[in-house]
Amino acid sequence: MARESRKVSLLIVDDEPDMCWALAHLLKKSGYRTKTAYKGRDALQLLRHDHFSLVFLDAKLPDIDGLDLARRIRGIDPATDIVMISGFHYCDDGVVQQALAEKMISAFISKPYQHEEIIRTLEIIFTS
């Protein structure tokens, strides 16, 4: 990877604690530092005080739509990469394709995902 993983801080935003735990466990095992937020409001608070190289963002949160949150993240730090993860949307959905085309999100991963898919996505983003 172009960036050393131990220096990269990632934010996981998902309202399902088990999904957050699984993703955080995988990422920490790969050497990344992670923080977790279960709501959009909490994610915005963290983003205002810390820098994250990348945000894993669930498309459906209890307090804010994932794409709306992606726009707000872009307003706080336009350089932060955003990977949307969703069991609601699919990669070929119009809203996902538009968000990718507009560079609102850097990548999209469908739930359930394979661990290799997460790591491969990070490698692609951090080496491009």
Protein backbone atom coordinates (compact mmCIF):
# COMPACT_ATOMS: atom_id res chain seq x y z
CA MET A 1 0.00 0.00 0.00
CA ALA A 2 1.14 3.52 -0.72
CA ARG A 3 0.30 4.70 2.79
CA GLU A 4 1.54 2.75 5.78
CA SER A 5 -1.58 1.24 7.33
CA ARG A 6 -0.54 2.01 10.91
CA LYS A 7 -0.62 5.73 10.10
CA VAL A 8 -4.04 5.62 8.45
CA SER A 9 -7.09 6.36 10.56
CA LEU A 10 -10.45 5.06 9.36
CA LEU A 11 -13.98 5.85 10.52
CA ILE A 12 -16.71 3.21 10.43
CA VAL A 13 -20.26 4.55 10.40
CA ASP A 14 -22.96 1.90 10.74
CA ASP A 15 -25.95 1.56 13.05
CA GLU A 16 -25.38 -2.19 13.44
CA PRO A 17 -22.85 -2.77 16.25
CA ASP A 18 -22.00 -6.27 14.97
CA MET A 19 -21.12 -4.89 11.53
CA CYS A 20 -18.95 -2.21 13.13
CA TRP A 21 -17.20 -4.75 15.31
CA ALA A 22 -16.51 -7.13 12.41
CA LEU A 23 -15.18 -4.37 10.15
CA ALA A 24 -13.10 -2.78 12.93
CA HIS A 25 -11.65 -6.18 13.85
CA LEU A 26 -10.64 -6.86 10.23
CA LEU A 27 -9.13 -3.41 9.78
CA LYS A 28 -7.23 -3.45 13.09
CA LYS A 29 -5.87 -6.90 12.21
CA SER A 30 -4.57 -5.31 9.00
CA GLY A 31 -2.86 -2.53 10.95
CA TYR A 32 -5.38 0.31 10.60
CA ARG A 33 -6.55 2.58 13.39
CA THR A 34 -10.33 2.81 13.58
CA LYS A 35 -13.09 4.70 15.30
CA THR A 36 -16.76 3.87 15.15
CA ALA A 37 -19.95 5.92 15.02
CA TYR A 38 -23.46 4.41 15.11
CA LYS A 39 -25.23 7.58 13.97
CA GLY A 40 -24.57 10.26 11.41
CA ARG A 41 -24.51 12.99 14.07
CA ASP A 42 -21.78 11.14 15.97
CA ALA A 43 -19.77 10.69 12.77
CA LEU A 44 -19.94 14.41 12.01
CA GLN A 45 -18.75 15.21 15.54
CA LEU A 46 -15.75 12.89 15.13
CA LEU A 47 -14.96 14.31 11.68
CA ARG A 48 -14.90 17.85 13.03
CA HIS A 49 -12.25 16.92 15.62
CA ASP A 50 -10.16 14.22 13.93
CA HIS A 51 -8.81 13.55 10.46
CA PHE A 52 -9.79 10.27 8.83
CA SER A 53 -8.24 9.13 5.57
CA LEU A 54 -11.31 7.07 4.77
CA VAL A 55 -14.87 6.57 6.00
CA PHE A 56 -16.78 3.31 5.64
CA LEU A 57 -20.35 4.57 5.49
CA ASP A 58 -23.60 2.62 5.73
CA ALA A 59 -26.22 3.88 3.29
CA LYS A 60 -29.06 3.78 5.81
CA LEU A 61 -28.61 5.28 9.26
CA PRO A 62 -31.31 6.05 11.84
CA ASP A 63 -30.76 9.82 11.81
CA ILE A 64 -29.47 10.69 8.34
CA ASP A 65 -29.33 9.19 4.87
CA GLY A 66 -25.87 7.90 3.96
CA LEU A 67 -25.60 9.95 0.77
CA ASP A 68 -26.60 13.11 2.63
CA LEU A 69 -23.95 12.30 5.22
CA ALA A 70 -21.40 11.78 2.42
CA ARG A 71 -22.16 15.31 1.18
CA ARG A 72 -21.65 16.69 4.67
CA ILE A 73 -18.38 14.79 5.03
CA ARG A 74 -17.21 16.31 1.73
CA GLY A 75 -18.03 19.74 3.19
CA ILE A 76 -15.86 19.06 6.24
CA ASP A 77 -12.94 17.37 4.46
CA PRO A 78 -13.12 17.03 0.66
CA ALA A 79 -9.99 14.81 0.64
CA THR A 80 -11.53 12.06 2.77
CA ASP A 81 -12.32 8.94 0.76
CA ILE A 82 -15.78 7.48 1.37
CA VAL A 83 -16.67 3.85 0.80
CA MET A 84 -20.39 3.26 0.97
CA ILE A 85 -21.46 -0.13 2.26
CA SER A 86 -25.07 -1.17 1.87
CA GLY A 87 -27.48 -4.05 1.98
CA PHE A 88 -30.18 -1.70 0.69
CA HIS A 89 -28.56 -0.35 -2.48
CA TYR A 90 -26.65 -2.26 -5.14
CA CYS A 91 -23.71 -1.14 -7.24
CA ASP A 92 -25.85 -0.71 -10.36
CA ASP A 93 -28.49 1.44 -8.60
CA GLY A 94 -28.83 4.86 -10.18
CA VAL A 95 -28.18 6.74 -6.93
CA VAL A 96 -24.97 4.77 -6.35
CA GLN A 97 -23.77 5.28 -9.92
CA GLN A 98 -24.50 9.01 -9.68
CA ALA A 99 -22.65 9.29 -6.35
CA LEU A 100 -19.65 7.50 -7.89
CA ALA A 101 -19.75 9.69 -11.02
CA GLU A 102 -19.94 12.87 -8.91
CA LYS A 103 -17.07 11.56 -6.72
CA MET A 104 -19.35 11.86 -3.70
CA ILE A 105 -18.18 8.34 -2.82
CA SER A 106 -14.93 6.65 -3.82
CA ALA A 107 -16.27 3.10 -3.91
CA PHE A 108 -19.31 0.97 -3.14
CA ILE A 109 -19.47 -2.45 -1.45
CA SER A 110 -22.65 -4.52 -1.08
CA LYS A 111 -23.54 -6.29 2.15
CA PRO A 112 -22.79 -9.00 2.92
CA TYR A 113 -19.20 -8.45 1.88
CA GLN A 114 -16.12 -10.61 1.84
CA HIS A 115 -13.12 -9.50 3.91
CA GLU A 116 -10.94 -9.66 0.81
CA GLU A 117 -13.27 -7.15 -0.85
CA ILE A 118 -12.65 -4.63 1.94
CA ILE A 119 -8.87 -5.04 1.79
CA ARG A 120 -8.82 -4.92 -2.02
CA THR A 121 -10.88 -1.71 -1.99
CA LEU A 122 -8.44 -0.09 0.46
CA GLU A 123 -5.48 -1.11 -1.70
CA ILE A 124 -7.11 0.38 -4.80
CA ILE A 125 -7.98 3.66 -3.07
CA PHE A 126 -4.65 4.09 -1.30
CA THR A 127 -2.50 3.25 -4.33
CA SER A 128 -4.32 5.42 -6.85
